[in-house]
Amino acid sequence: MVMRRKILFDFADLRILNIECAVCKVQLRFDVSKSDFNVPDKCPSCGDVFGASKHHIEGYRHVFPGLSSSKHKIMIEVDEPEATTSLT
């Protein structure tokens, strides 16, 4: 028997969106409580074009206020990450 734990996130609890560059792995953080955050066209580190990722994040910016202030809770369910162990 396998037991799995789930984690539920309420959109009202979401504060930060991250985008990680597929090329250089630099991460940019955006505070979703501020409606004026701007996603750059390109990665500031390596210049890779964000393209559709930028479009999706900007679309989310317009949807987020409704998801986080809905009369009914709207949540995301994810599997809890497996614990990793290190041998020292």
PDB file of N, CA and C in Angstrom:
ATOM      1  N   MET A   1       0.850  -1.176   0.000  1.00  0.00           N
ATOM      2  CA  MET A   1       0.000   0.000   0.000  1.00  0.00           C
ATOM      3  C   MET A   1       0.893   1.237   0.000  1.00  0.00           C
ATOM      4  N   VAL A   2       0.535   2.176  -0.838  1.00  0.00           N
ATOM      5  CA  VAL A   2       1.279   3.427  -0.925  1.00  0.00           C
ATOM      6  C   VAL A   2       0.413   4.543  -0.369  1.00  0.00           C
ATOM      7  N   MET A   3       0.991   5.328   0.518  1.00  0.00           N
ATOM      8  CA  MET A   3       0.266   6.478   1.061  1.00  0.00           C
ATOM      9  C   MET A   3       0.877   7.743   0.488  1.00  0.00           C
ATOM     10  N   ARG A   4       0.024   8.624   0.045  1.00  0.00           N
ATOM     11  CA  ARG A   4       0.480   9.902  -0.473  1.00  0.00           C
ATOM     12  C   ARG A   4      -0.232  11.012   0.260  1.00  0.00           C
ATOM     13  N   ARG A   5       0.491  12.078   0.494  1.00  0.00           N
ATOM     14  CA  ARG A   5      -0.107  13.249   1.130  1.00  0.00           C
ATOM     15  C   ARG A   5      -0.297  14.319   0.074  1.00  0.00           C
ATOM     16  N   LYS A   6      -1.361  15.045   0.219  1.00  0.00           N
ATOM     17  CA  LYS A   6      -1.670  16.138  -0.690  1.00  0.00           C
ATOM     18  C   LYS A   6      -1.575  17.448   0.065  1.00  0.00           C
ATOM     19  N   ILE A   7      -1.215  18.493  -0.652  1.00  0.00           N
ATOM     20  CA  ILE A   7      -1.174  19.831  -0.085  1.00  0.00           C
ATOM     21  C   ILE A   7      -2.156  20.687  -0.878  1.00  0.00           C
ATOM     22  N   LEU A   8      -3.008  21.415  -0.170  1.00  0.00           N
ATOM     23  CA  LEU A   8      -3.955  22.318  -0.822  1.00  0.00           C
ATOM     24  C   LEU A   8      -3.496  23.753  -0.619  1.00  0.00           C
ATOM     25  N   PHE A   9      -3.504  24.509  -1.700  1.00  0.00           N
ATOM     26  CA  PHE A   9      -3.159  25.917  -1.648  1.00  0.00           C
ATOM     27  C   PHE A   9      -4.376  26.728  -2.047  1.00  0.00           C
ATOM     28  N   ASP A  10      -4.744  27.651  -1.224  1.00  0.00           N
ATOM     29  CA  ASP A  10      -5.819  28.589  -1.527  1.00  0.00           C
ATOM     30  C   ASP A  10      -5.212  29.725  -2.337  1.00  0.00           C
ATOM     31  N   PHE A  11      -5.858  30.123  -3.418  1.00  0.00           N
ATOM     32  CA  PHE A  11      -5.337  31.226  -4.222  1.00  0.00           C
ATOM     33  C   PHE A  11      -5.139  32.485  -3.391  1.00  0.00           C
ATOM     34  N   ALA A  12      -5.942  32.672  -2.364  1.00  0.00           N
ATOM     35  CA  ALA A  12      -5.799  33.850  -1.513  1.00  0.00           C
ATOM     36  C   ALA A  12      -4.470  33.827  -0.750  1.00  0.00           C
ATOM     37  N   ASP A  13      -3.856  32.645  -0.595  1.00  0.00           N
ATOM     38  CA  ASP A  13      -2.576  32.531   0.102  1.00  0.00           C
ATOM     39  C   ASP A  13      -1.375  32.723  -0.816  1.00  0.00           C
ATOM     40  N   LEU A  14      -1.598  32.690  -2.104  1.00  0.00           N
ATOM     41  CA  LEU A  14      -0.495  32.812  -3.057  1.00  0.00           C
ATOM     42  C   LEU A  14       0.037  34.236  -3.069  1.00  0.00           C
ATOM     43  N   ARG A  15       1.329  34.384  -2.900  1.00  0.00           N
ATOM     44  CA  ARG A  15       1.947  35.714  -2.836  1.00  0.00           C
ATOM     45  C   ARG A  15       2.968  35.960  -3.931  1.00  0.00           C
ATOM     46  N   ILE A  16       3.712  34.916  -4.295  1.00  0.00           N
ATOM     47  CA  ILE A  16       4.819  35.070  -5.227  1.00  0.00           C
ATOM     48  C   ILE A  16       4.689  34.071  -6.373  1.00  0.00           C
ATOM     49  N   LEU A  17       4.900  34.552  -7.601  1.00  0.00           N
ATOM     50  CA  LEU A  17       5.033  33.683  -8.768  1.00  0.00           C
ATOM     51  C   LEU A  17       6.495  33.720  -9.185  1.00  0.00           C
ATOM     52  N   ASN A  18       7.058  32.566  -9.490  1.00  0.00           N
ATOM     53  CA  ASN A  18       8.431  32.480  -9.974  1.00  0.00           C
ATOM     54  C   ASN A  18       8.430  32.055 -11.427  1.00  0.00           C
ATOM     55  N   ILE A  19       9.362  32.581 -12.189  1.00  0.00           N
ATOM     56  CA  ILE A  19       9.620  32.065 -13.527  1.00  0.00           C
ATOM     57  C   ILE A  19      11.100  31.718 -13.561  1.00  0.00           C
ATOM     58  N   GLU A  20      11.393  30.501 -14.003  1.00  0.00           N
ATOM     59  CA  GLU A  20      12.787  30.058 -14.098  1.00  0.00           C
ATOM     60  C   GLU A  20      13.161  29.941 -15.562  1.00  0.00           C
ATOM     61  N   CYS A  21      14.256  30.579 -15.938  1.00  0.00           N
ATOM     62  CA  CYS A  21      14.738  30.524 -17.308  1.00  0.00           C
ATOM     63  C   CYS A  21      15.107  29.080 -17.654  1.00  0.00           C
ATOM     64  N   ALA A  22      14.627  28.610 -18.795  1.00  0.00           N
ATOM     65  CA  ALA A  22      14.906  27.241 -19.228  1.00  0.00           C
ATOM     66  C   ALA A  22      16.367  27.054 -19.606  1.00  0.00           C
ATOM     67  N   VAL A  23      17.044  28.138 -19.938  1.00  0.00           N
ATOM     68  CA  VAL A  23      18.433  28.041 -20.387  1.00  0.00           C
ATOM     69  C   VAL A  23      19.426  28.141 -19.229  1.00  0.00           C
ATOM     70  N   CYS A  24      19.346  29.228 -18.457  1.00  0.00           N
ATOM     71  CA  CYS A  24      20.368  29.473 -17.429  1.00  0.00           C
ATOM     72  C   CYS A  24      19.879  29.223 -16.000  1.00  0.00           C
ATOM     73  N   LYS A  25      18.596  28.918 -15.832  1.00  0.00           N
ATOM     74  CA  LYS A  25      17.991  28.576 -14.534  1.00  0.00           C
ATOM     75  C   LYS A  25      17.862  29.748 -13.556  1.00  0.00           C
ATOM     76  N   VAL A  26      18.106  30.976 -14.019  1.00  0.00           N
ATOM     77  CA  VAL A  26      17.875  32.150 -13.164  1.00  0.00           C
ATOM     78  C   VAL A  26      16.383  32.228 -12.874  1.00  0.00           C
ATOM     79  N   GLN A  27      16.038  32.566 -11.629  1.00  0.00           N
ATOM     80  CA  GLN A  27      14.634  32.684 -11.249  1.00  0.00           C
ATOM     81  C   GLN A  27      14.281  34.141 -10.990  1.00  0.00           C
ATOM     82  N   LEU A  28      13.145  34.557 -11.540  1.00  0.00           N
ATOM     83  CA  LEU A  28      12.594  35.885 -11.275  1.00  0.00           C
ATOM     84  C   LEU A  28      11.353  35.694 -10.428  1.00  0.00           C
ATOM     85  N   ARG A  29      11.167  36.573  -9.451  1.00  0.00           N
ATOM     86  CA  ARG A  29      10.025  36.482  -8.532  1.00  0.00           C
ATOM     87  C   ARG A  29       9.111  37.682  -8.749  1.00  0.00           C
ATOM     88  N   PHE A  30       7.798  37.417  -8.729  1.00  0.00           N
ATOM     89  CA  PHE A  30       6.810  38.474  -8.910  1.00  0.00           C
ATOM     90  C   PHE A  30       5.800  38.430  -7.768  1.00  0.00           C
ATOM     91  N   ASP A  31       5.618  39.545  -7.129  1.00  0.00           N
ATOM     92  CA  ASP A  31       4.670  39.677  -6.025  1.00  0.00           C
ATOM     93  C   ASP A  31       3.280  39.863  -6.630  1.00  0.00           C
ATOM     94  N   VAL A  32       2.419  38.838  -6.497  1.00  0.00           N
ATOM     95  CA  VAL A  32       1.100  38.890  -7.130  1.00  0.00           C
ATOM     96  C   VAL A  32       0.137  39.828  -6.421  1.00  0.00           C
ATOM     97  N   SER A  33       0.518  40.321  -5.236  1.00  0.00           N
ATOM     98  CA  SER A  33      -0.345  41.290  -4.557  1.00  0.00           C
ATOM     99  C   SER A  33      -0.237  42.669  -5.205  1.00  0.00           C
ATOM    100  N   LYS A  34       0.771  42.849  -6.034  1.00  0.00           N
ATOM    101  CA  LYS A  34       0.955  44.109  -6.766  1.00  0.00           C
ATOM    102  C   LYS A  34       0.520  43.892  -8.203  1.00  0.00           C
ATOM    103  N   SER A  35      -0.521  44.571  -8.602  1.00  0.00           N
ATOM    104  CA  SER A  35      -1.076  44.337  -9.935  1.00  0.00           C
ATOM    105  C   SER A  35      -0.221  44.912 -11.052  1.00  0.00           C
ATOM    106  N   ASP A  36       0.808  45.668 -10.699  1.00  0.00           N
ATOM    107  CA  ASP A  36       1.610  46.325 -11.728  1.00  0.00           C
ATOM    108  C   ASP A  36       2.954  45.644 -12.004  1.00  0.00           C
ATOM    109  N   PHE A  37       3.121  44.372 -11.583  1.00  0.00           N
ATOM    110  CA  PHE A  37       4.411  43.728 -11.859  1.00  0.00           C
ATOM    111  C   PHE A  37       4.551  43.485 -13.365  1.00  0.00           C
ATOM    112  N   ASN A  38       5.765  43.625 -13.859  1.00  0.00           N
ATOM    113  CA  ASN A  38       6.027  43.460 -15.284  1.00  0.00           C
ATOM    114  C   ASN A  38       7.009  42.321 -15.516  1.00  0.00           C
ATOM    115  N   VAL A  39       6.650  41.432 -16.412  1.00  0.00           N
ATOM    116  CA  VAL A  39       7.520  40.332 -16.790  1.00  0.00           C
ATOM    117  C   VAL A  39       8.344  40.803 -17.985  1.00  0.00           C
ATOM    118  N   PRO A  40       9.672  40.707 -17.900  1.00  0.00           N
ATOM    119  CA  PRO A  40      10.483  41.146 -19.040  1.00  0.00           C
ATOM    120  C   PRO A  40      10.305  40.232 -20.246  1.00  0.00           C
ATOM    121  N   ASP A  41      10.614  40.744 -21.424  1.00  0.00           N
ATOM    122  CA  ASP A  41      10.526  39.941 -22.648  1.00  0.00           C
ATOM    123  C   ASP A  41      11.582  38.847 -22.685  1.00  0.00           C
ATOM    124  N   LYS A  42      12.737  39.143 -22.076  1.00  0.00           N
ATOM    125  CA  LYS A  42      13.871  38.220 -22.124  1.00  0.00           C
ATOM    126  C   LYS A  42      14.439  38.020 -20.727  1.00  0.00           C
ATOM    127  N   CYS A  43      15.121  36.918 -20.552  1.00  0.00           N
ATOM    128  CA  CYS A  43      15.831  36.655 -19.303  1.00  0.00           C
ATOM    129  C   CYS A  43      16.912  37.719 -19.122  1.00  0.00           C
ATOM    130  N   PRO A  44      16.942  38.377 -17.972  1.00  0.00           N
ATOM    131  CA  PRO A  44      17.949  39.411 -17.758  1.00  0.00           C
ATOM    132  C   PRO A  44      19.368  38.851 -17.641  1.00  0.00           C
ATOM    133  N   SER A  45      19.490  37.548 -17.455  1.00  0.00           N
ATOM    134  CA  SER A  45      20.814  36.944 -17.311  1.00  0.00           C
ATOM    135  C   SER A  45      21.394  36.507 -18.652  1.00  0.00           C
ATOM    136  N   CYS A  46      20.624  35.728 -19.422  1.00  0.00           N
ATOM    137  CA  CYS A  46      21.171  35.163 -20.664  1.00  0.00           C
ATOM    138  C   CYS A  46      20.498  35.672 -21.934  1.00  0.00           C
ATOM    139  N   GLY A  47      19.379  36.377 -21.805  1.00  0.00           N
ATOM    140  CA  GLY A  47      18.699  36.940 -22.973  1.00  0.00           C
ATOM    141  C   GLY A  47      17.730  36.008 -23.667  1.00  0.00           C
ATOM    142  N   ASP A  48      17.502  34.808 -23.128  1.00  0.00           N
ATOM    143  CA  ASP A  48      16.535  33.897 -23.741  1.00  0.00           C
ATOM    144  C   ASP A  48      15.147  34.531 -23.688  1.00  0.00           C
ATOM    145  N   VAL A  49      14.389  34.408 -24.759  1.00  0.00           N
ATOM    146  CA  VAL A  49      13.057  35.017 -24.860  1.00  0.00           C
ATOM    147  C   VAL A  49      12.060  34.211 -24.031  1.00  0.00           C
ATOM    148  N   PHE A  50      11.283  34.893 -23.169  1.00  0.00           N
ATOM    149  CA  PHE A  50      10.279  34.220 -22.343  1.00  0.00           C
ATOM    150  C   PHE A  50       9.038  33.848 -23.147  1.00  0.00           C
ATOM    151  N   GLY A  51       8.689  34.605 -24.162  1.00  0.00           N
ATOM    152  CA  GLY A  51       7.607  34.262 -25.074  1.00  0.00           C
ATOM    153  C   GLY A  51       6.296  33.920 -24.400  1.00  0.00           C
ATOM    154  N   ALA A  52       5.828  32.661 -24.614  1.00  0.00           N
ATOM    155  CA  ALA A  52       4.530  32.226 -24.101  1.00  0.00           C
ATOM    156  C   ALA A  52       4.483  32.266 -22.578  1.00  0.00           C
ATOM    157  N   SER A  53       5.615  32.023 -21.920  1.00  0.00           N
ATOM    158  CA  SER A  53       5.623  32.074 -20.452  1.00  0.00           C
ATOM    159  C   SER A  53       5.237  33.462 -19.966  1.00  0.00           C
ATOM    160  N   LYS A  54       5.780  34.478 -20.615  1.00  0.00           N
ATOM    161  CA  LYS A  54       5.432  35.858 -20.248  1.00  0.00           C
ATOM    162  C   LYS A  54       3.937  36.080 -20.457  1.00  0.00           C
ATOM    163  N   HIS A  55       3.428  35.628 -21.567  1.00  0.00           N
ATOM    164  CA  HIS A  55       2.004  35.792 -21.893  1.00  0.00           C
ATOM    165  C   HIS A  55       1.122  35.127 -20.828  1.00  0.00           C
ATOM    166  N   HIS A  56       1.476  33.916 -20.400  1.00  0.00           N
ATOM    167  CA  HIS A  56       0.670  33.195 -19.413  1.00  0.00           C
ATOM    168  C   HIS A  56       0.707  33.877 -18.048  1.00  0.00           C
ATOM    169  N   ILE A  57       1.875  34.349 -17.645  1.00  0.00           N
ATOM    170  CA  ILE A  57       1.976  35.029 -16.349  1.00  0.00           C
ATOM    171  C   ILE A  57       1.179  36.326 -16.371  1.00  0.00           C
ATOM    172  N   GLU A  58       1.274  37.066 -17.471  1.00  0.00           N
ATOM    173  CA  GLU A  58       0.513  38.308 -17.550  1.00  0.00           C
ATOM    174  C   GLU A  58      -0.988  38.037 -17.577  1.00  0.00           C
ATOM    175  N   GLY A  59      -1.415  36.942 -18.198  1.00  0.00           N
ATOM    176  CA  GLY A  59      -2.821  36.564 -18.172  1.00  0.00           C
ATOM    177  C   GLY A  59      -3.276  36.215 -16.761  1.00  0.00           C
ATOM    178  N   TYR A  60      -2.405  35.529 -16.035  1.00  0.00           N
ATOM    179  CA  TYR A  60      -2.709  35.178 -14.649  1.00  0.00           C
ATOM    180  C   TYR A  60      -2.908  36.433 -13.809  1.00  0.00           C
ATOM    181  N   ARG A  61      -2.111  37.451 -14.087  1.00  0.00           N
ATOM    182  CA  ARG A  61      -2.211  38.706 -13.331  1.00  0.00           C
ATOM    183  C   ARG A  61      -3.625  39.275 -13.396  1.00  0.00           C
ATOM    184  N   HIS A  62      -4.300  39.078 -14.509  1.00  0.00           N
ATOM    185  CA  HIS A  62      -5.663  39.600 -14.664  1.00  0.00           C
ATOM    186  C   HIS A  62      -6.710  38.681 -14.043  1.00  0.00           C
ATOM    187  N   VAL A  63      -6.404  37.402 -13.930  1.00  0.00           N
ATOM    188  CA  VAL A  63      -7.339  36.422 -13.377  1.00  0.00           C
ATOM    189  C   VAL A  63      -7.215  36.323 -11.860  1.00  0.00           C
ATOM    190  N   PHE A  64      -6.009  36.533 -11.324  1.00  0.00           N
ATOM    191  CA  PHE A  64      -5.723  36.321  -9.911  1.00  0.00           C
ATOM    192  C   PHE A  64      -6.681  37.037  -8.965  1.00  0.00           C
ATOM    193  N   PRO A  65      -7.002  38.315  -9.172  1.00  0.00           N
ATOM    194  CA  PRO A  65      -7.895  38.978  -8.209  1.00  0.00           C
ATOM    195  C   PRO A  65      -9.231  38.250  -8.025  1.00  0.00           C
ATOM    196  N   GLY A  66      -9.798  37.729  -9.093  1.00  0.00           N
ATOM    197  CA  GLY A  66     -11.052  37.003  -8.992  1.00  0.00           C
ATOM    198  C   GLY A  66     -10.901  35.658  -8.307  1.00  0.00           C
ATOM    199  N   LEU A  67      -9.785  34.968  -8.567  1.00  0.00           N
ATOM    200  CA  LEU A  67      -9.552  33.661  -7.940  1.00  0.00           C
ATOM    201  C   LEU A  67      -9.309  33.791  -6.445  1.00  0.00           C
ATOM    202  N   SER A  68      -8.643  34.871  -6.041  1.00  0.00           N
ATOM    203  CA  SER A  68      -8.283  35.009  -4.633  1.00  0.00           C
ATOM    204  C   SER A  68      -9.366  35.663  -3.794  1.00  0.00           C
ATOM    205  N   SER A  69     -10.343  36.289  -4.427  1.00  0.00           N
ATOM    206  CA  SER A  69     -11.388  36.952  -3.648  1.00  0.00           C
ATOM    207  C   SER A  69     -12.780  36.368  -3.892  1.00  0.00           C
ATOM    208  N   SER A  70     -12.821  35.195  -4.491  1.00  0.00           N
ATOM    209  CA  SER A  70     -14.100  34.542  -4.777  1.00  0.00           C
ATOM    210  C   SER A  70     -14.837  34.207  -3.481  1.00  0.00           C
ATOM    211  N   LYS A  71     -16.158  34.220  -3.542  1.00  0.00           N
ATOM    212  CA  LYS A  71     -16.981  33.822  -2.396  1.00  0.00           C
ATOM    213  C   LYS A  71     -16.651  32.386  -1.978  1.00  0.00           C
ATOM    214  N   HIS A  72     -16.384  31.547  -2.973  1.00  0.00           N
ATOM    215  CA  HIS A  72     -16.043  30.146  -2.732  1.00  0.00           C
ATOM    216  C   HIS A  72     -14.535  29.983  -2.848  1.00  0.00           C
ATOM    217  N   LYS A  73     -13.957  29.186  -1.965  1.00  0.00           N
ATOM    218  CA  LYS A  73     -12.510  28.962  -2.023  1.00  0.00           C
ATOM    219  C   LYS A  73     -12.147  28.215  -3.301  1.00  0.00           C
ATOM    220  N   ILE A  74     -11.145  28.717  -3.982  1.00  0.00           N
ATOM    221  CA  ILE A  74     -10.604  28.055  -5.164  1.00  0.00           C
ATOM    222  C   ILE A  74      -9.177  27.657  -4.804  1.00  0.00           C
ATOM    223  N   MET A  75      -8.896  26.349  -4.864  1.00  0.00           N
ATOM    224  CA  MET A  75      -7.605  25.863  -4.390  1.00  0.00           C
ATOM    225  C   MET A  75      -6.907  25.000  -5.435  1.00  0.00           C
ATOM    226  N   ILE A  76      -5.607  24.886  -5.271  1.00  0.00           N
ATOM    227  CA  ILE A  76      -4.767  24.019  -6.086  1.00  0.00           C
ATOM    228  C   ILE A  76      -4.334  22.862  -5.191  1.00  0.00           C
ATOM    229  N   GLU A  77      -4.375  21.651  -5.724  1.00  0.00           N
ATOM    230  CA  GLU A  77      -3.919  20.483  -4.970  1.00  0.00           C
ATOM    231  C   GLU A  77      -2.658  19.946  -5.630  1.00  0.00           C
ATOM    232  N   VAL A  78      -1.633  19.736  -4.816  1.00  0.00           N
ATOM    233  CA  VAL A  78      -0.381  19.169  -5.320  1.00  0.00           C
ATOM    234  C   VAL A  78       0.053  18.019  -4.416  1.00  0.00           C
ATOM    235  N   ASP A  79       0.816  17.106  -4.989  1.00  0.00           N
ATOM    236  CA  ASP A  79       1.395  16.037  -4.172  1.00  0.00           C
ATOM    237  C   ASP A  79       2.501  16.624  -3.321  1.00  0.00           C
ATOM    238  N   GLU A  80       2.585  16.176  -2.097  1.00  0.00           N
ATOM    239  CA  GLU A  80       3.665  16.614  -1.223  1.00  0.00           C
ATOM    240  C   GLU A  80       4.976  16.051  -1.772  1.00  0.00           C
ATOM    241  N   PRO A  81       6.004  16.884  -1.866  1.00  0.00           N
ATOM    242  CA  PRO A  81       7.283  16.375  -2.387  1.00  0.00           C
ATOM    243  C   PRO A  81       7.820  15.263  -1.468  1.00  0.00           C
ATOM    244  N   GLU A  82       8.466  14.304  -2.090  1.00  0.00           N
ATOM    245  CA  GLU A  82       9.061  13.226  -1.309  1.00  0.00           C
ATOM    246  C   GLU A  82      10.272  13.763  -0.564  1.00  0.00           C
ATOM    247  N   ALA A  83      10.449  13.276   0.632  1.00  0.00           N
ATOM    248  CA  ALA A  83      11.601  13.696   1.429  1.00  0.00           C
ATOM    249  C   ALA A  83      12.867  13.136   0.804  1.00  0.00           C
ATOM    250  N   THR A  84      13.891  13.939   0.790  1.00  0.00           N
ATOM    251  CA  THR A  84      15.171  13.475   0.293  1.00  0.00           C
ATOM    252  C   THR A  84      16.116  13.293   1.470  1.00  0.00           C
ATOM    253  N   THR A  85      16.939  12.333   1.365  1.00  0.00           N
ATOM    254  CA  THR A  85      17.913  12.098   2.429  1.00  0.00           C
ATOM    255  C   THR A  85      19.309  12.241   1.855  1.00  0.00           C
ATOM    256  N   SER A  86      20.202  12.719   2.667  1.00  0.00           N
ATOM    257  CA  SER A  86      21.585  12.837   2.225  1.00  0.00           C
ATOM    258  C   SER A  86      22.451  11.968   3.124  1.00  0.00           C
ATOM    259  N   LEU A  87      23.417  11.387   2.531  1.00  0.00           N
ATOM    260  CA  LEU A  87      24.354  10.553   3.289  1.00  0.00           C
ATOM    261  C   LEU A  87      25.589  11.408   3.596  1.00  0.00           C
ATOM    262  N   THR A  88      25.842  11.593   4.862  1.00  0.00           N
ATOM    263  CA  THR A  88      27.019  12.378   5.235  1.00  0.00           C
ATOM    264  C   THR A  88      27.969  11.575   6.082  1.00  0.00           C
TER     265      THR A  88
END
